[in-house]
């Protein structure tokens, strides 16, 4: 499996919609910018049938550097997270199980 880049997404969406790649890139970048702005303002985003983007607070803690075994203090912060919907999890699982079964049959 390989990673899909923003360029790949633009090409796929452009092919499906008939929009130019330039217009598709503008739409995709606008969506991503809106997503980031919403999370930065402390709000969650829910896309029904897909999932939910939210920000989780991470408390300050003491961690250990595995190379040096030295203890370090990690400051509190915020972390954007994604939680897939039941529908998306089922869709991905069904597809991946089919791929896995095909590989085992080879």
Protein backbone atom coordinates (compact mmCIF):
# COMPACT_ATOMS: atom_id res chain seq x y z
CA UNK A 1 0.00 0.00 0.00
CA UNK A 2 1.20 3.49 -0.75
CA UNK A 3 0.26 6.96 0.38
CA UNK A 4 -2.13 9.09 -1.64
CA UNK A 5 -0.97 12.69 -2.03
CA UNK A 6 -2.99 15.88 -2.37
CA UNK A 7 -2.06 15.86 -6.07
CA UNK A 8 -3.50 12.34 -6.41
CA UNK A 9 -6.73 13.45 -4.73
CA UNK A 10 -6.99 16.46 -7.04
CA UNK A 11 -6.61 14.21 -10.08
CA UNK A 12 -9.21 11.70 -8.82
CA UNK A 13 -11.77 14.35 -7.89
CA UNK A 14 -11.18 16.23 -11.13
CA UNK A 15 -11.77 13.06 -13.17
CA UNK A 16 -15.00 12.30 -11.29
CA UNK A 17 -16.48 15.81 -11.33
CA UNK A 18 -15.30 17.17 -14.66
CA UNK A 19 -13.81 20.21 -12.92
CA UNK A 20 -10.36 21.33 -13.99
CA UNK A 21 -7.49 20.29 -11.77
CA UNK A 22 -6.86 23.97 -10.97
CA UNK A 23 -10.46 24.44 -9.76
CA UNK A 24 -10.40 21.13 -7.90
CA UNK A 25 -7.17 22.10 -6.13
CA UNK A 26 -8.74 25.40 -5.03
CA UNK A 27 -11.78 23.56 -3.63
CA UNK A 28 -9.67 20.94 -1.84
CA UNK A 29 -7.29 23.52 -0.34
CA UNK A 30 -10.26 25.66 0.75
CA UNK A 31 -11.83 22.63 2.45
CA UNK A 32 -8.59 21.78 4.26
CA UNK A 33 -8.10 25.42 5.31
CA UNK A 34 -11.68 25.58 6.64
CA UNK A 35 -11.09 22.35 8.53
CA UNK A 36 -7.92 23.70 10.14
CA UNK A 37 -9.55 27.06 10.99
CA UNK A 38 -12.48 25.31 12.64
CA UNK A 39 -10.22 23.08 14.73
CA UNK A 40 -8.03 26.06 15.69
CA UNK A 41 -11.12 27.82 17.03
CA UNK A 42 -11.79 24.83 19.31
CA UNK A 43 -14.77 23.44 17.39
CA UNK A 44 -15.30 19.88 16.19
CA UNK A 45 -16.34 18.93 12.66
CA UNK A 46 -18.73 16.07 12.01
CA UNK A 47 -19.25 14.72 8.50
CA UNK A 48 -22.05 12.16 8.72
CA UNK A 49 -21.13 8.79 7.26
CA UNK A 50 -17.44 9.72 7.28
CA UNK A 51 -16.25 10.74 10.73
CA UNK A 52 -15.45 13.45 13.19
CA UNK A 53 -12.45 15.74 13.48
CA UNK A 54 -11.81 17.09 16.95
CA UNK A 55 -9.12 18.57 19.17
CA UNK A 56 -7.98 16.71 22.29
CA UNK A 57 -6.11 18.32 25.14
CA UNK A 58 -2.89 16.55 26.11
CA UNK A 59 -1.80 17.10 29.71
CA UNK A 60 1.77 17.86 30.70
CA UNK A 61 3.70 14.72 31.58
CA UNK A 62 7.11 13.27 32.21
CA UNK A 63 8.40 11.09 29.39
CA UNK A 64 11.57 9.08 28.85
CA UNK A 65 14.01 9.38 25.98
CA UNK A 66 14.47 5.73 24.88
CA UNK A 67 17.98 6.36 23.56
CA UNK A 68 19.43 8.00 26.67
CA UNK A 69 16.90 6.79 29.25
CA UNK A 70 16.75 10.43 30.38
CA UNK A 71 13.49 11.81 31.79
CA UNK A 72 12.11 14.86 30.01
CA UNK A 73 9.14 17.11 30.74
CA UNK A 74 6.57 17.32 27.93
CA UNK A 75 4.41 20.44 28.04
CA UNK A 76 0.64 20.33 27.72
CA UNK A 77 -0.77 20.92 24.29
CA UNK A 78 -3.57 20.14 21.88
CA UNK A 79 -3.74 17.40 19.28
CA UNK A 80 -6.11 17.21 16.29
CA UNK A 81 -7.64 13.76 15.95
CA UNK A 82 -9.96 11.94 13.57
CA UNK A 83 -12.57 9.41 14.62
CA UNK A 84 -14.05 7.37 11.76
CA UNK A 85 -17.80 6.79 11.63
CA UNK A 86 -19.25 3.29 11.89
CA UNK A 87 -20.11 3.45 8.19
CA UNK A 88 -16.56 4.33 7.15
CA UNK A 89 -15.04 1.69 9.44
CA UNK A 90 -17.36 -0.97 7.98
CA UNK A 91 -16.68 0.13 4.41
CA UNK A 92 -12.90 0.05 4.90
CA UNK A 93 -13.01 -3.22 6.81
CA UNK A 94 -15.19 -4.94 4.19
CA UNK A 95 -12.88 -3.82 1.37
CA UNK A 96 -9.66 -4.67 3.20
CA UNK A 97 -10.98 -8.10 4.21
CA UNK A 98 -11.73 -8.81 0.55
CA UNK A 99 -8.22 -7.76 -0.46
CA UNK A 100 -6.71 -9.84 2.35
CA UNK A 101 -8.71 -12.92 1.31
CA UNK A 102 -7.59 -12.48 -2.32
CA UNK A 103 -3.95 -12.34 -1.21
CA UNK A 104 -4.33 -15.49 0.89
CA UNK A 105 -5.88 -17.32 -2.09
CA UNK A 106 -2.89 -16.59 -4.32
